[in-house]
Amino acid sequence: GRKQITYSNKQTTISIDECVEQVSSELNAAIQKKAANIHLIPGQTGIGKTTLYVNLIKSRKHKKTLLIAVPTNNLKTELVQKIGKDNILEIPSLMITLPPKLHQTIEEYYNKGFIKEALDSIETYAHKLTDNSIFMNYLHPETVLAHPSKCVIMTHARFLSLPHQILKNFEVLIDEDIYIRCLHALVLSRFLL
């Protein structure tokens, strides 16, 4: 069936403390809902969303396994460090292990919204390697994510490339600007095609 995506966009001027309390309250309420399993968490950088994610994971108040999509690898790394590797199934960044020129090409594909082209480039490279298991897990996440027992953290770009059937296993929290990335990719793809 169709999935409902919740989005809270109440715009008023409030203090940072009030903002953190509001985001925390809405996040906890969203997690308790039965209808939706994908939640966009908008909010300015520095209001404490990362702390809220850490507290939510550590509290184990969520019904389903959490999948958190964040804008950058740096934020992903920060979350993993704060939560602890024992509580996280980290989807590794392949960008660290790719040759610089291929890394740049794939990054450009992701930034333009050309997910298929990025994944095809990774697969072509992976087939040239003797040990390509990390690449195969990245390209075929359904094996790693089929029955997750830990919270999963990944970047927006990686999240956007997931097969949709995987998402039913998760309560998904999308940190802030993914809709800007999607809109940017859509505009670029229409302009470039």
Protein backbone atom coordinates (compact mmCIF):
# COMPACT_ATOMS: atom_id res chain seq x y z
CA GLY A 1 0.00 0.00 0.00
CA ARG A 2 0.88 3.64 -0.03
CA LYS A 3 3.06 5.04 2.69
CA GLN A 4 2.36 8.31 4.40
CA ILE A 5 5.24 10.74 4.77
CA THR A 6 4.96 13.17 7.67
CA TYR A 7 6.40 16.65 7.45
CA SER A 8 6.18 19.28 10.14
CA ASN A 9 6.79 22.83 8.97
CA LYS A 10 5.53 25.15 11.69
CA GLN A 11 7.42 28.40 11.17
CA THR A 12 7.46 30.84 14.06
CA THR A 13 10.24 32.62 15.90
CA ILE A 14 11.15 30.82 19.12
CA SER A 15 14.20 30.39 21.33
CA ILE A 16 16.75 27.63 20.72
CA ASP A 17 15.57 25.81 23.86
CA GLU A 18 11.95 25.99 22.74
CA CYS A 19 12.99 24.81 19.28
CA VAL A 20 14.86 21.80 20.67
CA GLU A 21 11.86 20.93 22.86
CA GLN A 22 9.45 21.28 19.91
CA VAL A 23 11.56 19.15 17.57
CA SER A 24 12.03 16.55 20.31
CA SER A 25 8.32 16.42 21.06
CA GLU A 26 7.35 16.17 17.38
CA LEU A 27 10.01 13.55 16.71
CA ASN A 28 8.82 11.38 19.59
CA ALA A 29 5.18 11.79 18.54
CA ALA A 30 6.04 10.88 14.94
CA ILE A 31 7.89 7.74 16.03
CA GLN A 32 4.85 6.60 18.04
CA LYS A 33 2.46 6.94 15.06
CA LYS A 34 1.48 3.74 13.31
CA ALA A 35 0.60 5.23 9.92
CA ALA A 36 3.88 6.80 8.81
CA ASN A 37 7.33 5.35 8.68
CA ILE A 38 9.22 8.15 6.91
CA HIS A 39 9.78 11.42 8.75
CA LEU A 40 11.43 14.59 7.42
CA ILE A 41 13.13 16.44 10.26
CA PRO A 42 13.62 20.06 9.18
CA GLY A 43 15.59 22.40 11.37
CA GLN A 44 18.43 24.81 11.27
CA THR A 45 21.93 23.51 11.84
CA GLY A 46 22.90 23.74 15.50
CA ILE A 47 19.51 23.32 17.15
CA GLY A 48 20.32 19.89 18.54
CA LYS A 49 18.87 17.40 16.05
CA THR A 50 21.98 15.22 16.33
CA THR A 51 21.59 15.07 20.11
CA LEU A 52 17.93 14.14 19.66
CA TYR A 53 18.86 11.25 17.35
CA VAL A 54 21.47 10.02 19.84
CA ASN A 55 18.98 10.17 22.71
CA LEU A 56 16.27 8.44 20.69
CA ILE A 57 18.55 5.58 19.71
CA LYS A 58 19.88 5.13 23.22
CA SER A 59 16.37 5.25 24.74
CA ARG A 60 15.14 2.46 22.44
CA LYS A 61 11.63 4.01 22.41
CA HIS A 62 11.20 3.34 18.70
CA LYS A 63 9.05 0.41 17.57
CA LYS A 64 10.94 -0.39 14.38
CA THR A 65 14.63 -0.23 13.65
CA LEU A 66 15.67 3.33 12.84
CA LEU A 67 17.28 4.35 9.58
CA ILE A 68 18.68 7.86 9.76
CA ALA A 69 19.65 9.65 6.55
CA VAL A 70 21.96 12.62 7.07
CA PRO A 71 23.37 15.17 4.61
CA THR A 72 27.09 14.43 4.94
CA ASN A 73 29.60 11.71 5.74
CA ASN A 74 31.00 13.97 8.47
CA LEU A 75 27.64 14.04 10.26
CA LYS A 76 27.28 10.29 9.78
CA THR A 77 30.69 9.77 11.39
CA GLU A 78 29.79 12.13 14.25
CA LEU A 79 26.59 10.19 14.96
CA VAL A 80 28.39 6.85 14.93
CA GLN A 81 30.98 8.19 17.37
CA LYS A 82 28.35 9.61 19.75
CA ILE A 83 26.10 6.55 19.68
CA GLY A 84 28.80 3.90 19.62
CA LYS A 85 29.57 1.34 16.94
CA ASP A 86 27.90 -1.42 19.00
CA ASN A 87 24.50 0.25 18.52
CA ILE A 88 24.87 1.10 14.83
CA LEU A 89 24.93 -0.73 11.54
CA GLU A 90 27.02 1.79 9.67
CA ILE A 91 26.73 1.77 5.91
CA PRO A 92 30.31 2.52 4.94
CA SER A 93 31.19 5.26 2.54
CA LEU A 94 32.79 3.87 -0.57
CA MET A 95 34.20 7.26 -1.38
CA ILE A 96 37.13 6.58 0.95
CA THR A 97 38.21 3.49 -0.98
CA LEU A 98 37.72 4.78 -4.53
CA PRO A 99 40.46 6.21 -6.74
CA PRO A 100 40.27 10.05 -6.69
CA LYS A 101 39.12 10.47 -10.32
CA LEU A 102 36.35 7.85 -9.93
CA HIS A 103 35.41 9.39 -6.57
CA GLN A 104 34.96 12.77 -8.27
CA THR A 105 32.87 11.27 -11.10
CA ILE A 106 30.58 9.40 -8.70
CA GLU A 107 30.20 12.45 -6.46
CA GLU A 108 29.16 14.48 -9.52
CA TYR A 109 26.62 11.82 -10.48
CA TYR A 110 25.14 11.81 -6.96
CA ASN A 111 25.04 15.63 -6.83
CA LYS A 112 23.15 15.73 -10.13
CA GLY A 113 20.73 13.03 -9.01
CA PHE A 114 22.09 10.43 -11.44
CA ILE A 115 21.94 7.58 -8.93
CA LYS A 116 21.89 4.78 -11.52
CA GLU A 117 24.98 6.14 -13.24
CA ALA A 118 26.81 6.42 -9.90
CA LEU A 119 25.93 2.82 -8.97
CA ASP A 120 26.87 1.55 -12.45
CA SER A 121 30.28 3.22 -12.14
CA ILE A 122 30.83 1.62 -8.73
CA GLU A 123 29.80 -1.79 -10.04
CA THR A 124 32.14 -1.55 -13.04
CA TYR A 125 35.02 -0.68 -10.70
CA ALA A 126 34.10 -3.42 -8.19
CA HIS A 127 34.15 -6.17 -10.84
CA LYS A 128 37.83 -5.40 -11.46
CA LEU A 129 38.74 -6.16 -7.82
CA THR A 130 39.63 -9.48 -6.23
CA ASP A 131 37.91 -8.65 -2.92
CA ASN A 132 34.86 -6.57 -3.76
CA SER A 133 32.63 -7.54 -0.81
CA ILE A 134 32.32 -3.99 0.57
CA PHE A 135 31.26 -2.81 -2.87
CA MET A 136 28.75 -5.64 -3.31
CA ASN A 137 27.18 -4.85 0.09
CA TYR A 138 26.92 -1.23 -1.00
CA LEU A 139 25.42 -2.10 -4.38
CA HIS A 140 23.05 -4.74 -3.01
CA PRO A 141 22.01 -3.46 0.42
CA GLU A 142 19.01 -5.77 0.57
CA THR A 143 21.24 -8.52 1.96
CA VAL A 144 22.67 -6.35 4.75
CA LEU A 145 19.44 -4.47 5.50
CA ALA A 146 16.89 -7.29 5.16
CA HIS A 147 16.72 -8.02 8.90
CA PRO A 148 18.45 -5.19 10.69
CA SER A 149 18.96 -5.51 14.42
CA LYS A 150 20.71 -2.18 14.86
CA CYS A 151 20.01 1.41 13.93
CA VAL A 152 21.29 2.28 10.43
CA ILE A 153 22.94 5.56 9.56
CA MET A 154 23.70 6.62 5.99
CA THR A 155 23.98 9.70 3.83
CA HIS A 156 21.11 11.20 1.85
CA ALA A 157 22.77 10.12 -1.40
CA ARG A 158 22.94 6.50 -0.23
CA PHE A 159 19.38 6.63 1.11
CA LEU A 160 18.06 7.88 -2.24
CA SER A 161 19.62 4.90 -4.01
CA LEU A 162 17.98 2.25 -1.78
CA PRO A 163 15.36 -0.04 -3.28
CA HIS A 164 12.03 1.11 -1.83
CA GLN A 165 11.05 -2.36 -0.57
CA ILE A 166 13.85 -2.19 2.03
CA LEU A 167 12.26 0.81 3.73
CA LYS A 168 9.36 -1.21 5.15
CA ASN A 169 11.79 -2.66 7.70
CA PHE A 170 12.56 0.76 9.15
CA GLU A 171 11.32 3.88 10.85
CA VAL A 172 13.11 6.43 8.64
CA LEU A 173 14.33 9.81 9.89
CA ILE A 174 15.55 12.12 7.14
CA ASP A 175 17.67 14.93 8.52
CA GLU A 176 16.82 18.29 7.03
CA ASP A 177 17.79 19.23 3.49
CA ILE A 178 17.14 16.06 1.52
CA TYR A 179 14.18 17.64 -0.21
CA ILE A 180 16.49 20.43 -1.40
CA ARG A 181 18.89 17.78 -2.77
CA CYS A 182 15.98 16.00 -4.52
CA LEU A 183 14.63 19.23 -5.98
CA HIS A 184 18.12 20.23 -7.11
CA ALA A 185 18.61 16.83 -8.75
CA LEU A 186 15.22 17.01 -10.44
CA VAL A 187 15.88 20.49 -11.84
CA LEU A 188 19.36 19.49 -13.04
CA SER A 189 18.15 16.27 -14.65
CA ARG A 190 15.42 18.09 -16.55
CA PHE A 191 17.85 20.80 -17.60
CA LEU A 192 20.54 18.35 -18.70
CA LEU A 193 18.24 15.89 -20.51
